[in-house]
N, C-alpha and C. Protein backbone atom coordinates (compact mmCIF):
# COMPACT_ATOMS: atom_id res chain seq x y z
N MET A 1 -16.58 12.82 2.78
CA MET A 1 -15.88 13.20 1.57
C MET A 1 -16.78 13.03 0.35
N SER A 2 -17.70 12.08 0.39
CA SER A 2 -18.60 11.92 -0.75
C SER A 2 -19.49 13.15 -0.91
N GLN A 3 -19.87 13.79 0.20
CA GLN A 3 -20.68 15.01 0.11
C GLN A 3 -19.86 16.15 -0.50
N ILE A 4 -18.60 16.24 -0.14
CA ILE A 4 -17.71 17.25 -0.76
C ILE A 4 -17.66 17.00 -2.26
N ALA A 5 -17.51 15.75 -2.65
CA ALA A 5 -17.44 15.41 -4.08
C ALA A 5 -18.70 15.86 -4.80
N LYS A 6 -19.86 15.57 -4.22
CA LYS A 6 -21.13 15.94 -4.85
C LYS A 6 -21.32 17.45 -4.89
N THR A 7 -20.98 18.12 -3.80
CA THR A 7 -21.19 19.56 -3.70
C THR A 7 -20.35 20.34 -4.71
N TYR A 8 -19.12 19.91 -4.92
CA TYR A 8 -18.19 20.70 -5.73
C TYR A 8 -17.95 20.15 -7.14
N ALA A 9 -18.56 19.07 -7.50
CA ALA A 9 -18.35 18.49 -8.83
C ALA A 9 -18.70 19.47 -9.94
N SER A 10 -19.80 20.20 -9.78
CA SER A 10 -20.23 21.13 -10.82
C SER A 10 -19.28 22.32 -10.96
N ARG A 11 -18.40 22.52 -9.98
CA ARG A 11 -17.42 23.61 -10.04
C ARG A 11 -16.04 23.11 -10.45
N GLY A 12 -15.98 21.83 -10.85
CA GLY A 12 -14.73 21.31 -11.41
C GLY A 12 -13.84 20.57 -10.43
N LEU A 13 -14.29 20.36 -9.21
CA LEU A 13 -13.48 19.62 -8.25
C LEU A 13 -13.76 18.13 -8.40
N ASN A 14 -12.71 17.36 -8.62
CA ASN A 14 -12.82 15.90 -8.72
C ASN A 14 -12.22 15.29 -7.47
N VAL A 15 -12.98 14.42 -6.82
CA VAL A 15 -12.48 13.68 -5.66
C VAL A 15 -12.16 12.27 -6.13
N VAL A 16 -10.92 11.87 -5.90
CA VAL A 16 -10.46 10.54 -6.30
C VAL A 16 -9.98 9.82 -5.05
N LEU A 17 -10.50 8.63 -4.85
CA LEU A 17 -10.07 7.82 -3.72
C LEU A 17 -8.88 6.96 -4.13
N VAL A 18 -7.88 6.90 -3.24
CA VAL A 18 -6.72 6.04 -3.46
C VAL A 18 -6.58 5.18 -2.22
N SER A 19 -6.57 3.88 -2.42
CA SER A 19 -6.46 2.93 -1.32
C SER A 19 -5.04 2.40 -1.25
N VAL A 20 -4.60 2.10 -0.05
CA VAL A 20 -3.30 1.45 0.13
C VAL A 20 -3.50 -0.02 0.53
N ASP A 21 -4.72 -0.51 0.30
CA ASP A 21 -4.99 -1.93 0.52
C ASP A 21 -4.33 -2.76 -0.57
N GLU A 22 -4.45 -4.04 -0.45
CA GLU A 22 -3.85 -4.94 -1.43
C GLU A 22 -4.53 -4.77 -2.80
N PRO A 23 -3.76 -4.80 -3.89
CA PRO A 23 -4.34 -4.63 -5.23
C PRO A 23 -5.48 -5.61 -5.54
N GLU A 24 -5.41 -6.83 -5.01
CA GLU A 24 -6.47 -7.79 -5.29
C GLU A 24 -7.80 -7.41 -4.63
N ASP A 25 -7.79 -6.42 -3.76
CA ASP A 25 -9.02 -5.94 -3.11
C ASP A 25 -9.70 -4.82 -3.89
N GLN A 26 -9.17 -4.45 -5.05
CA GLN A 26 -9.69 -3.30 -5.78
C GLN A 26 -11.17 -3.43 -6.11
N THR A 27 -11.63 -4.59 -6.53
CA THR A 27 -13.05 -4.75 -6.87
C THR A 27 -13.92 -4.48 -5.66
N ARG A 28 -13.54 -5.04 -4.51
CA ARG A 28 -14.29 -4.82 -3.27
C ARG A 28 -14.27 -3.35 -2.88
N LEU A 29 -13.10 -2.72 -3.01
CA LEU A 29 -12.97 -1.31 -2.64
C LEU A 29 -13.79 -0.41 -3.56
N THR A 30 -13.82 -0.73 -4.84
CA THR A 30 -14.62 0.04 -5.80
C THR A 30 -16.09 -0.04 -5.43
N LYS A 31 -16.57 -1.21 -5.02
CA LYS A 31 -17.97 -1.37 -4.62
C LYS A 31 -18.26 -0.55 -3.36
N ILE A 32 -17.37 -0.60 -2.38
CA ILE A 32 -17.56 0.18 -1.15
C ILE A 32 -17.62 1.66 -1.48
N ALA A 33 -16.70 2.13 -2.32
CA ALA A 33 -16.69 3.54 -2.71
C ALA A 33 -17.98 3.92 -3.41
N SER A 34 -18.46 3.06 -4.30
CA SER A 34 -19.72 3.32 -4.99
C SER A 34 -20.89 3.37 -4.02
N ASP A 35 -20.91 2.44 -3.07
CA ASP A 35 -21.97 2.42 -2.06
C ASP A 35 -21.97 3.70 -1.22
N LEU A 36 -20.79 4.30 -1.06
CA LEU A 36 -20.68 5.55 -0.30
C LEU A 36 -20.97 6.78 -1.14
N GLY A 37 -21.23 6.57 -2.44
CA GLY A 37 -21.60 7.68 -3.31
C GLY A 37 -20.48 8.28 -4.12
N PHE A 38 -19.32 7.62 -4.15
CA PHE A 38 -18.21 8.14 -4.95
C PHE A 38 -18.32 7.66 -6.39
N VAL A 39 -17.91 8.52 -7.29
CA VAL A 39 -17.91 8.21 -8.71
C VAL A 39 -16.50 7.73 -9.08
N PRO A 40 -16.39 6.64 -9.85
CA PRO A 40 -15.07 6.17 -10.26
C PRO A 40 -14.30 7.28 -10.99
N PRO A 41 -12.98 7.26 -11.00
CA PRO A 41 -12.15 6.11 -10.66
C PRO A 41 -11.83 6.03 -9.17
N THR A 42 -11.54 4.83 -8.73
CA THR A 42 -10.97 4.55 -7.42
C THR A 42 -9.67 3.82 -7.67
N TRP A 43 -8.61 4.29 -7.09
CA TRP A 43 -7.29 3.72 -7.37
C TRP A 43 -6.76 2.95 -6.18
N VAL A 44 -5.92 1.97 -6.45
CA VAL A 44 -5.19 1.25 -5.42
C VAL A 44 -3.71 1.47 -5.68
N ALA A 45 -2.99 1.94 -4.66
CA ALA A 45 -1.56 2.20 -4.81
C ALA A 45 -0.81 0.89 -5.06
N MET A 46 0.15 0.95 -5.94
CA MET A 46 0.96 -0.24 -6.25
C MET A 46 1.97 -0.49 -5.13
N GLN A 47 2.32 -1.74 -4.99
CA GLN A 47 3.36 -2.13 -4.04
C GLN A 47 4.71 -1.91 -4.70
N PRO A 48 5.77 -1.59 -4.03
CA PRO A 48 5.84 -1.37 -2.60
C PRO A 48 5.29 0.02 -2.24
N LEU A 49 4.64 0.09 -1.11
CA LEU A 49 4.02 1.36 -0.69
C LEU A 49 5.05 2.43 -0.37
N SER A 50 6.27 2.04 -0.08
CA SER A 50 7.30 3.05 0.22
C SER A 50 7.49 3.99 -0.97
N ALA A 51 7.44 3.47 -2.18
CA ALA A 51 7.58 4.33 -3.37
C ALA A 51 6.39 5.27 -3.50
N PHE A 52 5.20 4.78 -3.22
CA PHE A 52 4.00 5.60 -3.27
C PHE A 52 4.08 6.71 -2.22
N LYS A 53 4.42 6.35 -0.99
CA LYS A 53 4.53 7.35 0.09
C LYS A 53 5.57 8.40 -0.25
N TRP A 54 6.70 7.98 -0.78
CA TRP A 54 7.78 8.90 -1.14
C TRP A 54 7.31 9.88 -2.22
N ALA A 55 6.53 9.38 -3.17
CA ALA A 55 6.04 10.25 -4.25
C ALA A 55 5.02 11.27 -3.74
N ILE A 56 4.22 10.89 -2.75
CA ILE A 56 3.23 11.81 -2.20
C ILE A 56 3.92 12.90 -1.39
N ASP A 57 4.75 12.49 -0.43
CA ASP A 57 5.45 13.44 0.42
C ASP A 57 6.55 12.70 1.16
N GLN A 58 7.76 13.17 1.02
CA GLN A 58 8.89 12.48 1.64
C GLN A 58 8.81 12.50 3.16
N LYS A 59 8.03 13.42 3.74
CA LYS A 59 7.87 13.48 5.19
C LYS A 59 6.69 12.65 5.69
N TRP A 60 5.85 12.16 4.77
CA TRP A 60 4.68 11.38 5.16
C TRP A 60 5.12 10.06 5.75
N LYS A 61 4.65 9.78 6.96
CA LYS A 61 5.05 8.56 7.66
C LYS A 61 4.19 7.35 7.30
N GLY A 62 3.16 7.56 6.51
CA GLY A 62 2.32 6.46 6.06
C GLY A 62 1.02 6.31 6.81
N ASN A 63 0.75 7.22 7.76
CA ASN A 63 -0.53 7.14 8.46
C ASN A 63 -1.67 7.42 7.48
N ILE A 64 -2.83 6.86 7.76
CA ILE A 64 -4.00 7.08 6.92
C ILE A 64 -5.18 7.43 7.82
N PRO A 65 -6.12 8.19 7.33
CA PRO A 65 -6.21 8.73 5.97
C PRO A 65 -5.40 10.01 5.82
N ILE A 66 -5.16 10.36 4.58
CA ILE A 66 -4.65 11.69 4.23
C ILE A 66 -5.57 12.25 3.16
N THR A 67 -5.57 13.56 3.04
CA THR A 67 -6.36 14.24 2.02
C THR A 67 -5.44 15.23 1.33
N LEU A 68 -5.49 15.23 0.01
CA LEU A 68 -4.62 16.10 -0.78
C LEU A 68 -5.46 16.92 -1.75
N LEU A 69 -5.06 18.16 -1.96
CA LEU A 69 -5.70 19.03 -2.94
C LEU A 69 -4.66 19.40 -3.98
N TYR A 70 -4.94 19.04 -5.24
CA TYR A 70 -4.04 19.34 -6.36
C TYR A 70 -4.73 20.28 -7.33
N ASP A 71 -3.94 21.12 -8.00
CA ASP A 71 -4.50 21.95 -9.05
C ASP A 71 -4.48 21.20 -10.37
N VAL A 72 -4.98 21.83 -11.41
CA VAL A 72 -5.11 21.16 -12.71
C VAL A 72 -3.74 20.84 -13.33
N GLN A 73 -2.69 21.53 -12.90
CA GLN A 73 -1.35 21.23 -13.40
C GLN A 73 -0.67 20.11 -12.62
N GLY A 74 -1.35 19.58 -11.61
CA GLY A 74 -0.78 18.51 -10.81
C GLY A 74 0.07 18.97 -9.66
N LYS A 75 0.03 20.26 -9.34
CA LYS A 75 0.79 20.77 -8.21
C LYS A 75 -0.05 20.64 -6.94
N ARG A 76 0.57 20.07 -5.92
CA ARG A 76 -0.15 19.93 -4.65
C ARG A 76 -0.32 21.30 -4.00
N ARG A 77 -1.55 21.57 -3.60
CA ARG A 77 -1.89 22.85 -2.98
C ARG A 77 -2.13 22.74 -1.48
N PHE A 78 -2.59 21.57 -1.02
CA PHE A 78 -2.80 21.40 0.41
C PHE A 78 -2.69 19.92 0.76
N PHE A 79 -2.19 19.67 1.97
CA PHE A 79 -1.97 18.31 2.46
C PHE A 79 -2.49 18.23 3.88
N TRP A 80 -3.51 17.38 4.09
CA TRP A 80 -4.03 17.12 5.42
C TRP A 80 -3.50 15.75 5.83
N ASP A 81 -2.67 15.70 6.84
CA ASP A 81 -2.02 14.49 7.29
C ASP A 81 -2.80 13.90 8.47
N GLY A 82 -3.92 13.27 8.14
CA GLY A 82 -4.78 12.67 9.16
C GLY A 82 -6.23 12.94 8.84
N PRO A 83 -7.13 12.48 9.68
CA PRO A 83 -8.56 12.70 9.45
C PRO A 83 -8.87 14.20 9.43
N VAL A 84 -9.73 14.59 8.52
CA VAL A 84 -10.08 16.01 8.40
C VAL A 84 -11.60 16.13 8.31
N GLU A 85 -12.13 17.14 8.95
CA GLU A 85 -13.57 17.37 8.97
C GLU A 85 -13.97 18.29 7.81
N THR A 86 -15.20 18.17 7.38
CA THR A 86 -15.74 19.00 6.30
C THR A 86 -15.56 20.48 6.60
N ALA A 87 -15.78 20.87 7.85
CA ALA A 87 -15.66 22.28 8.23
C ALA A 87 -14.26 22.84 8.00
N GLU A 88 -13.27 21.98 8.02
CA GLU A 88 -11.91 22.43 7.74
C GLU A 88 -11.60 22.41 6.24
N LEU A 89 -12.19 21.47 5.51
CA LEU A 89 -11.96 21.37 4.07
C LEU A 89 -12.61 22.51 3.30
N VAL A 90 -13.85 22.83 3.64
CA VAL A 90 -14.65 23.76 2.85
C VAL A 90 -13.99 25.12 2.65
N PRO A 91 -13.46 25.79 3.69
CA PRO A 91 -12.84 27.10 3.43
C PRO A 91 -11.65 27.02 2.47
N VAL A 92 -10.86 25.96 2.58
CA VAL A 92 -9.70 25.82 1.69
C VAL A 92 -10.18 25.57 0.26
N ILE A 93 -11.17 24.70 0.10
CA ILE A 93 -11.71 24.42 -1.23
C ILE A 93 -12.35 25.66 -1.83
N GLU A 94 -13.12 26.38 -1.04
CA GLU A 94 -13.76 27.62 -1.54
C GLU A 94 -12.72 28.63 -2.00
N ASP A 95 -11.67 28.83 -1.20
CA ASP A 95 -10.61 29.75 -1.61
C ASP A 95 -9.93 29.28 -2.88
N PHE A 96 -9.65 27.99 -2.95
CA PHE A 96 -9.00 27.41 -4.13
C PHE A 96 -9.84 27.63 -5.38
N LEU A 97 -11.13 27.32 -5.30
CA LEU A 97 -12.01 27.46 -6.46
C LEU A 97 -12.26 28.92 -6.83
N ALA A 98 -12.08 29.82 -5.86
CA ALA A 98 -12.23 31.25 -6.13
C ALA A 98 -10.97 31.85 -6.72
N GLY A 99 -9.93 31.03 -6.88
CA GLY A 99 -8.70 31.51 -7.49
C GLY A 99 -7.73 32.15 -6.50
N LYS A 100 -8.02 32.05 -5.22
CA LYS A 100 -7.12 32.60 -4.21
C LYS A 100 -5.91 31.67 -4.05
N PRO A 101 -4.77 32.24 -3.67
CA PRO A 101 -3.60 31.38 -3.48
C PRO A 101 -3.80 30.45 -2.28
N VAL A 102 -3.68 29.17 -2.53
CA VAL A 102 -3.84 28.16 -1.49
C VAL A 102 -2.59 27.28 -1.53
N GLN A 103 -1.93 27.20 -0.39
CA GLN A 103 -0.75 26.36 -0.26
C GLN A 103 -0.57 26.09 1.23
N GLY A 104 -0.59 24.81 1.61
CA GLY A 104 -0.39 24.54 3.03
C GLY A 104 -0.41 23.08 3.38
N GLU A 105 -0.20 22.86 4.67
CA GLU A 105 -0.21 21.52 5.24
C GLU A 105 -0.85 21.60 6.62
N LYS A 106 -1.53 20.56 6.98
CA LYS A 106 -2.09 20.43 8.32
C LYS A 106 -1.72 19.06 8.83
N HIS A 107 -1.00 19.02 9.93
CA HIS A 107 -0.58 17.76 10.52
C HIS A 107 -1.33 17.55 11.83
N PHE A 108 -1.91 16.39 11.97
CA PHE A 108 -2.68 16.04 13.15
C PHE A 108 -1.83 15.12 14.01
N GLU A 109 -1.31 15.65 15.07
CA GLU A 109 -0.45 14.86 15.95
C GLU A 109 -1.28 14.25 17.07
N LEU A 110 -0.96 13.02 17.42
CA LEU A 110 -1.62 12.34 18.53
C LEU A 110 -0.64 12.25 19.70
N SER A 111 -1.18 12.28 20.88
CA SER A 111 -0.35 12.11 22.06
C SER A 111 0.08 10.65 22.16
N ALA A 112 1.17 10.43 22.82
CA ALA A 112 1.68 9.06 23.00
C ALA A 112 0.60 8.18 23.63
N GLY A 113 0.35 7.03 23.04
CA GLY A 113 -0.63 6.10 23.56
C GLY A 113 -2.03 6.33 23.06
N ILE A 114 -2.28 7.42 22.36
CA ILE A 114 -3.60 7.74 21.84
C ILE A 114 -3.68 7.25 20.40
N THR A 115 -4.70 6.48 20.07
CA THR A 115 -4.82 5.96 18.71
C THR A 115 -6.04 6.52 17.98
N ASP A 116 -6.93 7.21 18.69
CA ASP A 116 -8.14 7.75 18.07
C ASP A 116 -8.28 9.20 18.48
N PRO A 117 -8.20 10.15 17.54
CA PRO A 117 -8.26 11.56 17.90
C PRO A 117 -9.65 12.01 18.35
N HIS A 118 -10.68 11.18 18.22
CA HIS A 118 -12.04 11.61 18.59
C HIS A 118 -12.40 11.17 19.97
């Protein structure tokens, strides 16, 4: 994701990290994000997380990571519910930045008993 941030920053795409870790871990998380090449801000969701999850998507079960694409008006344009690869992000981002209509969701379902999709 840090490479996506670097590649598209000059075209107006801002990547913001939001953590659901404990608020007291924010300093540590900011350092980790910086070490990975992300530019601040880095946010930590406030407790209780149920309110945060509800605000993001009422159907979101709370699994992480998720990736969201918002337009400048704050309207969500795409929701990836689970780990997403650069190859899947790039076409959506390119279409979005080209002004094409982008609206969608991608849900990554795991089989029962499977905890790692890779």
